Amino acid sequence: DVVMVVTGSHEGGGWRVPGVEYDLTPDRVELQAKLIAASPKFLVLLRRLADYARHNPENLPDEVMAIAQDADAIISSIMGPAE
């Protein structure tokens, strides 16, 4: 028995967890699945925040600017440095 979250456009693509592991920690596996499924939306949100901060630094409080810089660092760690 295998639990699968489809992460690709092909029927066989996806993230799989053995059924035994799922049975041991279903809440953890379900949370992981939800995070994987939501990650494209999170990436869009991080990009929007980082882009806004980059183009409007004078309009943001220091705390928000720090969060935007963290967002930019996360994007770089995923996508590689901007060219």
C-alpha atoms as a PDB file:
ATOM      1  CA  ASP A   1       0.000   0.000   0.000  1.00  0.00           C
ATOM      2  CA  VAL A   2       1.422   3.394  -1.033  1.00  0.00           C
ATOM      3  CA  VAL A   3       0.124   6.917  -0.475  1.00  0.00           C
ATOM      4  CA  MET A   4       0.852   9.197  -3.443  1.00  0.00           C
ATOM      5  CA  VAL A   5       0.651  12.936  -4.017  1.00  0.00           C
ATOM      6  CA  VAL A   6       0.779  13.764  -7.717  1.00  0.00           C
ATOM      7  CA  THR A   7       3.456  16.410  -8.239  1.00  0.00           C
ATOM      8  CA  GLY A   8       3.925  16.077 -11.974  1.00  0.00           C
ATOM      9  CA  SER A   9       1.782  16.286 -15.056  1.00  0.00           C
ATOM     10  CA  HIS A  10       2.283  12.596 -15.854  1.00  0.00           C
ATOM     11  CA  GLU A  11       0.163   9.948 -14.203  1.00  0.00           C
ATOM     12  CA  GLY A  12       3.195   8.187 -12.684  1.00  0.00           C
ATOM     13  CA  GLY A  13       4.810  11.374 -11.361  1.00  0.00           C
ATOM     14  CA  GLY A  14       4.515  12.095  -7.710  1.00  0.00           C
ATOM     15  CA  TRP A  15       5.718  11.870  -4.163  1.00  0.00           C
ATOM     16  CA  ARG A  16       5.168   8.504  -2.554  1.00  0.00           C
ATOM     17  CA  VAL A  17       5.150   7.286   1.030  1.00  0.00           C
ATOM     18  CA  PRO A  18       5.040   3.616   1.961  1.00  0.00           C
ATOM     19  CA  GLY A  19       1.718   2.695   3.516  1.00  0.00           C
ATOM     20  CA  VAL A  20       3.487   1.493   6.670  1.00  0.00           C
ATOM     21  CA  GLU A  21       5.088   4.918   7.196  1.00  0.00           C
ATOM     22  CA  TYR A  22       1.741   6.579   6.577  1.00  0.00           C
ATOM     23  CA  ASP A  23       0.099   4.303   9.132  1.00  0.00           C
ATOM     24  CA  LEU A  24       2.714   5.285  11.750  1.00  0.00           C
ATOM     25  CA  THR A  25       2.408   9.064  11.307  1.00  0.00           C
ATOM     26  CA  PRO A  26      -0.590   9.931   9.120  1.00  0.00           C
ATOM     27  CA  ASP A  27      -0.845  13.504  10.430  1.00  0.00           C
ATOM     28  CA  ARG A  28       2.800  14.224   9.559  1.00  0.00           C
ATOM     29  CA  VAL A  29       2.475  12.681   6.104  1.00  0.00           C
ATOM     30  CA  GLU A  30      -0.756  14.595   5.424  1.00  0.00           C
ATOM     31  CA  LEU A  31       0.932  17.853   6.448  1.00  0.00           C
ATOM     32  CA  GLN A  32       3.865  17.091   4.146  1.00  0.00           C
ATOM     33  CA  ALA A  33       1.457  16.366   1.294  1.00  0.00           C
ATOM     34  CA  LYS A  34      -0.394  19.643   1.863  1.00  0.00           C
ATOM     35  CA  LEU A  35       2.888  21.582   1.933  1.00  0.00           C
ATOM     36  CA  ILE A  36       4.041  19.941  -1.292  1.00  0.00           C
ATOM     37  CA  ALA A  37       0.711  20.679  -2.973  1.00  0.00           C
ATOM     38  CA  ALA A  38       0.742  24.324  -1.793  1.00  0.00           C
ATOM     39  CA  SER A  39       4.415  24.997  -2.556  1.00  0.00           C
ATOM     40  CA  PRO A  40       3.821  26.548  -6.021  1.00  0.00           C
ATOM     41  CA  LYS A  41       1.477  29.093  -4.419  1.00  0.00           C
ATOM     42  CA  PHE A  42       4.004  29.783  -1.658  1.00  0.00           C
ATOM     43  CA  LEU A  43       6.701  30.385  -4.274  1.00  0.00           C
ATOM     44  CA  VAL A  44       4.461  32.877  -6.118  1.00  0.00           C
ATOM     45  CA  LEU A  45       3.744  34.672  -2.839  1.00  0.00           C
ATOM     46  CA  LEU A  46       7.446  34.850  -1.946  1.00  0.00           C
ATOM     47  CA  ARG A  47       8.289  36.188  -5.412  1.00  0.00           C
ATOM     48  CA  ARG A  48       5.576  38.850  -5.193  1.00  0.00           C
ATOM     49  CA  LEU A  49       6.829  39.989  -1.794  1.00  0.00           C
ATOM     50  CA  ALA A  50      10.482  40.053  -2.874  1.00  0.00           C
ATOM     51  CA  ASP A  51       9.693  41.886  -6.136  1.00  0.00           C
ATOM     52  CA  TYR A  52       7.530  44.471  -4.383  1.00  0.00           C
ATOM     53  CA  ALA A  53      10.240  45.128  -1.803  1.00  0.00           C
ATOM     54  CA  ARG A  54      12.911  45.389  -4.498  1.00  0.00           C
ATOM     55  CA  HIS A  55      10.912  48.042  -6.385  1.00  0.00           C
ATOM     56  CA  ASN A  56       9.473  49.914  -3.379  1.00  0.00           C
ATOM     57  CA  PRO A  57      12.057  49.801  -0.575  1.00  0.00           C
ATOM     58  CA  GLU A  58      11.142  53.268   0.672  1.00  0.00           C
ATOM     59  CA  ASN A  59       7.513  52.216   1.272  1.00  0.00           C
ATOM     60  CA  LEU A  60       8.263  49.302   3.584  1.00  0.00           C
ATOM     61  CA  PRO A  61       9.007  49.202   7.298  1.00  0.00           C
ATOM     62  CA  ASP A  62      12.342  47.622   8.209  1.00  0.00           C
ATOM     63  CA  GLU A  63      10.640  44.487   9.598  1.00  0.00           C
ATOM     64  CA  VAL A  64       8.757  43.874   6.345  1.00  0.00           C
ATOM     65  CA  MET A  65      11.913  44.535   4.344  1.00  0.00           C
ATOM     66  CA  ALA A  66      13.721  41.902   6.432  1.00  0.00           C
ATOM     67  CA  ILE A  67      10.938  39.409   5.692  1.00  0.00           C
ATOM     68  CA  ALA A  68      11.171  40.247   1.971  1.00  0.00           C
ATOM     69  CA  GLN A  69      14.935  39.652   2.080  1.00  0.00           C
ATOM     70  CA  ASP A  70      14.292  36.273   3.728  1.00  0.00           C
ATOM     71  CA  ALA A  71      11.798  35.512   0.940  1.00  0.00           C
ATOM     72  CA  ASP A  72      14.423  36.425  -1.654  1.00  0.00           C
ATOM     73  CA  ALA A  73      16.962  34.141   0.054  1.00  0.00           C
ATOM     74  CA  ILE A  74      14.487  31.250   0.041  1.00  0.00           C
ATOM     75  CA  ILE A  75      13.767  31.784  -3.659  1.00  0.00           C
ATOM     76  CA  SER A  76      17.507  31.822  -4.410  1.00  0.00           C
ATOM     77  CA  SER A  77      18.044  28.628  -2.447  1.00  0.00           C
ATOM     78  CA  ILE A  78      15.339  26.931  -4.533  1.00  0.00           C
ATOM     79  CA  MET A  79      15.875  28.464  -7.976  1.00  0.00           C
ATOM     80  CA  GLY A  80      19.538  29.474  -7.800  1.00  0.00           C
ATOM     81  CA  PRO A  81      20.893  33.018  -7.865  1.00  0.00           C
ATOM     82  CA  ALA A  82      19.195  35.554 -10.139  1.00  0.00           C
ATOM     83  CA  GLU A  83      21.068  36.236 -13.352  1.00  0.00           C
END
